[in-house]
Amino acid sequence: MPEDFKGIIKTFRSVFPGATVWLGHTHAILVGSVEPLKIDFAEWEKNISKIGKDPVFYTNPYYLAATLMLDNNIIEQFSEDIEINTDDLSYLEFFSPSCFDKDNLNKNISFLSQNRADINRTFNNIDDSEKMQRFIEGNRYFIKSVEFFQNGEKQKSLNELRTAVKVNPENQEYPFLIKFYYGVPK
């Protein structure tokens, strides 16, 4: 299934050369532009602050930036074997039963995490690069936690989230998730 996932991304990039992929908890978001995205972090921070506090959506600008997984440079390196989905070659319209494989989510998020783009190609003027690295590292542990959770390995999932809290103590999402999913303090 990761090939289908890559095919969707590669097809998206064929229309939007400045394609990026961002990872929410268990869903990928494709953001496209004609040119590669160049985001001034100070502007990003200012715009996100306008959202205000939300009880469900965590609006920390570092957290949101750390969800960037792939940029156009990474997508451009996809194998020639990954087909672009077209009207003439619509392999996604008639999919195989393997697309229902329960391991696909883990394969896809693992692929994203292992091929993560350099944040500095998309964002510039990050005022605290060490803080950004902590958010990225915390995100790596979070993704491992999701993988364990999907496999039914709740204790390993909890342990990964606790490690995410240790490496990224500023991130308030992880303690919330620990309490929400496991009913225990961080």
Protein backbone atom coordinates (compact mmCIF):
# COMPACT_ATOMS: atom_id res chain seq x y z
CA MET A 1 0.00 0.00 0.00
CA PRO A 2 2.76 2.55 0.53
CA GLU A 3 3.10 2.56 -3.29
CA ASP A 4 -0.53 3.69 -3.61
CA PHE A 5 0.12 6.35 -0.97
CA LYS A 6 3.25 7.49 -2.81
CA GLY A 7 1.28 7.46 -6.06
CA ILE A 8 -1.30 9.84 -4.61
CA ILE A 9 1.46 12.15 -3.40
CA LYS A 10 3.38 11.98 -6.68
CA THR A 11 0.18 12.67 -8.64
CA PHE A 12 -0.55 15.67 -6.42
CA ARG A 13 2.98 16.97 -7.03
CA SER A 14 2.50 16.63 -10.81
CA VAL A 15 -0.17 19.35 -10.50
CA PHE A 16 1.39 21.30 -7.62
CA PRO A 17 5.21 21.26 -7.95
CA GLY A 18 5.50 22.88 -4.52
CA ALA A 19 3.73 19.94 -2.84
CA THR A 20 4.17 19.20 0.86
CA VAL A 21 2.77 16.49 3.11
CA TRP A 22 1.88 17.17 6.74
CA LEU A 23 0.89 14.50 9.26
CA GLY A 24 -1.88 14.97 11.79
CA HIS A 25 -2.40 12.20 14.30
CA THR A 26 -3.37 9.57 11.76
CA HIS A 27 -4.08 11.53 8.61
CA ALA A 28 -1.91 13.12 5.97
CA ILE A 29 -2.68 16.55 4.60
CA LEU A 30 -1.35 17.53 1.20
CA VAL A 31 -0.69 21.23 0.68
CA GLY A 32 0.26 22.34 -2.78
CA SER A 33 1.49 25.43 -4.54
CA VAL A 34 2.97 26.26 -7.91
CA GLU A 35 6.28 27.23 -6.30
CA PRO A 36 8.03 25.49 -3.40
CA LEU A 37 6.61 26.69 -0.08
CA LYS A 38 8.77 29.22 1.73
CA ILE A 39 7.25 30.14 5.06
CA ASP A 40 8.56 32.90 7.27
CA PHE A 41 8.26 31.46 10.77
CA ALA A 42 7.57 34.84 12.37
CA GLU A 43 4.58 35.31 10.03
CA TRP A 44 3.51 31.71 10.66
CA GLU A 45 3.63 32.33 14.41
CA LYS A 46 1.70 35.59 14.08
CA ASN A 47 -1.02 34.02 11.93
CA ILE A 48 -1.40 31.00 14.21
CA SER A 49 -1.71 33.26 17.26
CA LYS A 50 -4.84 34.74 15.63
CA ILE A 51 -6.55 31.36 15.98
CA GLY A 52 -6.49 31.65 19.74
CA LYS A 53 -6.78 28.82 22.24
CA ASP A 54 -8.88 25.91 21.12
CA PRO A 55 -9.89 23.06 23.43
CA VAL A 56 -9.42 20.45 20.69
CA PHE A 57 -6.90 21.86 18.21
CA TYR A 58 -3.41 22.46 19.62
CA THR A 59 -2.20 25.71 18.08
CA ASN A 60 1.45 25.90 19.06
CA PRO A 61 3.34 27.13 15.95
CA TYR A 62 6.34 24.86 16.63
CA TYR A 63 4.08 21.85 17.04
CA LEU A 64 2.26 22.57 13.79
CA ALA A 65 5.50 23.19 11.87
CA ALA A 66 6.89 19.89 13.18
CA THR A 67 4.05 18.04 11.43
CA LEU A 68 5.72 18.79 8.07
CA MET A 69 6.83 15.42 6.72
CA LEU A 70 7.65 15.74 3.02
CA ASP A 71 8.50 18.66 0.79
CA ASN A 72 8.77 18.88 -2.99
CA ASN A 73 12.47 17.88 -2.85
CA ILE A 74 11.70 14.57 -1.13
CA ILE A 75 8.67 13.85 -3.34
CA GLU A 76 10.72 14.59 -6.46
CA GLN A 77 13.04 11.71 -5.45
CA PHE A 78 10.24 9.11 -5.53
CA SER A 79 11.09 6.17 -7.75
CA GLU A 80 10.23 6.20 -11.44
CA ASP A 81 8.23 3.04 -10.66
CA ILE A 82 5.68 5.09 -8.72
CA GLU A 83 3.00 5.83 -11.29
CA ILE A 84 1.13 9.11 -11.57
CA ASN A 85 -2.61 8.46 -11.45
CA THR A 86 -4.26 9.76 -14.64
CA ASP A 87 -7.53 9.33 -16.51
CA ASP A 88 -5.71 6.88 -18.80
CA LEU A 89 -4.00 5.06 -15.91
CA SER A 90 -6.47 5.25 -13.05
CA TYR A 91 -5.07 2.60 -10.75
CA LEU A 92 -6.57 4.23 -7.65
CA GLU A 93 -10.14 4.08 -8.93
CA PHE A 94 -10.02 0.28 -9.07
CA PHE A 95 -7.98 -0.66 -6.05
CA SER A 96 -6.89 -4.04 -4.81
CA PRO A 97 -8.20 -5.62 -1.61
CA SER A 98 -4.73 -5.08 -0.12
CA CYS A 99 -5.66 -1.43 0.44
CA PHE A 100 -7.75 -2.63 3.40
CA ASP A 101 -4.68 -4.11 5.11
CA LYS A 102 -4.70 -2.89 8.72
CA ASP A 103 -0.92 -2.37 8.58
CA ASN A 104 -1.18 0.32 5.88
CA LEU A 105 -1.51 3.19 8.33
CA ASN A 106 1.66 2.16 10.14
CA LYS A 107 3.52 1.61 6.87
CA ASN A 108 2.48 5.04 5.61
CA ILE A 109 3.27 7.02 8.75
CA SER A 110 6.53 5.11 9.18
CA PHE A 111 7.48 6.02 5.61
CA LEU A 112 6.70 9.68 6.30
CA SER A 113 8.69 9.73 9.52
CA GLN A 114 11.71 7.98 8.00
CA ASN A 115 11.77 10.36 5.01
CA ARG A 116 11.07 13.58 6.87
CA ALA A 117 12.07 16.76 5.03
CA ASP A 118 14.54 19.25 6.42
CA ILE A 119 12.31 21.82 8.10
CA ASN A 120 14.67 24.63 7.06
CA ARG A 121 13.89 24.12 3.37
CA THR A 122 10.28 25.16 4.01
CA PHE A 123 10.57 27.44 7.05
CA ASN A 124 12.99 30.31 7.45
CA ASN A 125 13.63 32.68 10.35
CA ILE A 126 12.86 30.06 13.00
CA ASP A 127 13.71 32.08 16.09
CA ASP A 128 14.54 29.07 18.31
CA SER A 129 16.02 26.24 16.24
CA GLU A 130 16.74 24.10 19.32
CA LYS A 131 13.11 24.33 20.36
CA MET A 132 12.07 23.36 16.83
CA GLN A 133 14.34 20.31 16.99
CA ARG A 134 12.72 19.27 20.28
CA PHE A 135 9.29 19.49 18.68
CA ILE A 136 10.48 17.43 15.70
CA GLU A 137 12.08 14.83 17.97
CA GLY A 138 8.93 14.68 20.11
CA ASN A 139 6.93 14.17 16.92
CA ARG A 140 9.13 11.18 16.01
CA TYR A 141 8.29 9.53 19.34
CA PHE A 142 4.64 10.43 18.90
CA ILE A 143 4.57 8.68 15.52
CA LYS A 144 6.12 5.55 17.07
CA SER A 145 3.45 5.77 19.78
CA VAL A 146 0.72 5.80 17.12
CA GLU A 147 2.27 2.75 15.44
CA PHE A 148 2.29 0.82 18.73
CA PHE A 149 -1.24 1.97 19.52
CA GLN A 150 -2.49 0.71 16.13
CA ASN A 151 -0.85 -2.66 16.81
CA GLY A 152 -2.63 -2.93 20.15
CA GLU A 153 0.60 -2.48 22.10
CA LYS A 154 -0.77 0.08 24.52
CA GLN A 155 2.07 0.01 27.05
CA LYS A 156 4.70 0.57 24.35
CA SER A 157 2.54 3.35 22.93
CA LEU A 158 2.32 5.00 26.35
CA ASN A 159 6.08 4.65 26.85
CA GLU A 160 6.77 6.39 23.52
CA LEU A 161 4.42 9.24 24.45
CA ARG A 162 6.15 9.61 27.80
CA THR A 163 9.49 9.78 25.99
CA ALA A 164 8.01 12.44 23.69
CA VAL A 165 7.14 14.47 26.82
CA LYS A 166 10.72 14.12 28.10
CA VAL A 167 12.37 15.27 24.88
CA ASN A 168 9.75 17.95 24.18
CA PRO A 169 8.45 19.21 27.55
CA GLU A 170 7.00 22.39 25.99
CA ASN A 171 4.53 20.35 23.96
CA GLN A 172 1.18 20.26 25.76
CA GLU A 173 -0.39 17.87 23.25
CA TYR A 174 1.43 14.80 24.55
CA PRO A 175 0.38 15.09 28.22
CA PHE A 176 -3.18 15.66 26.98
CA LEU A 177 -3.03 12.50 24.84
CA ILE A 178 -1.59 10.47 27.72
CA LYS A 179 -4.47 11.50 29.95
CA PHE A 180 -7.08 11.14 27.18
CA TYR A 181 -6.05 7.70 25.90
CA TYR A 182 -4.56 6.14 29.01
CA GLY A 183 -6.20 8.01 31.89
CA VAL A 184 -2.89 8.48 33.66
CA PRO A 185 -0.72 11.54 34.37
CA LYS A 186 2.27 12.07 32.13
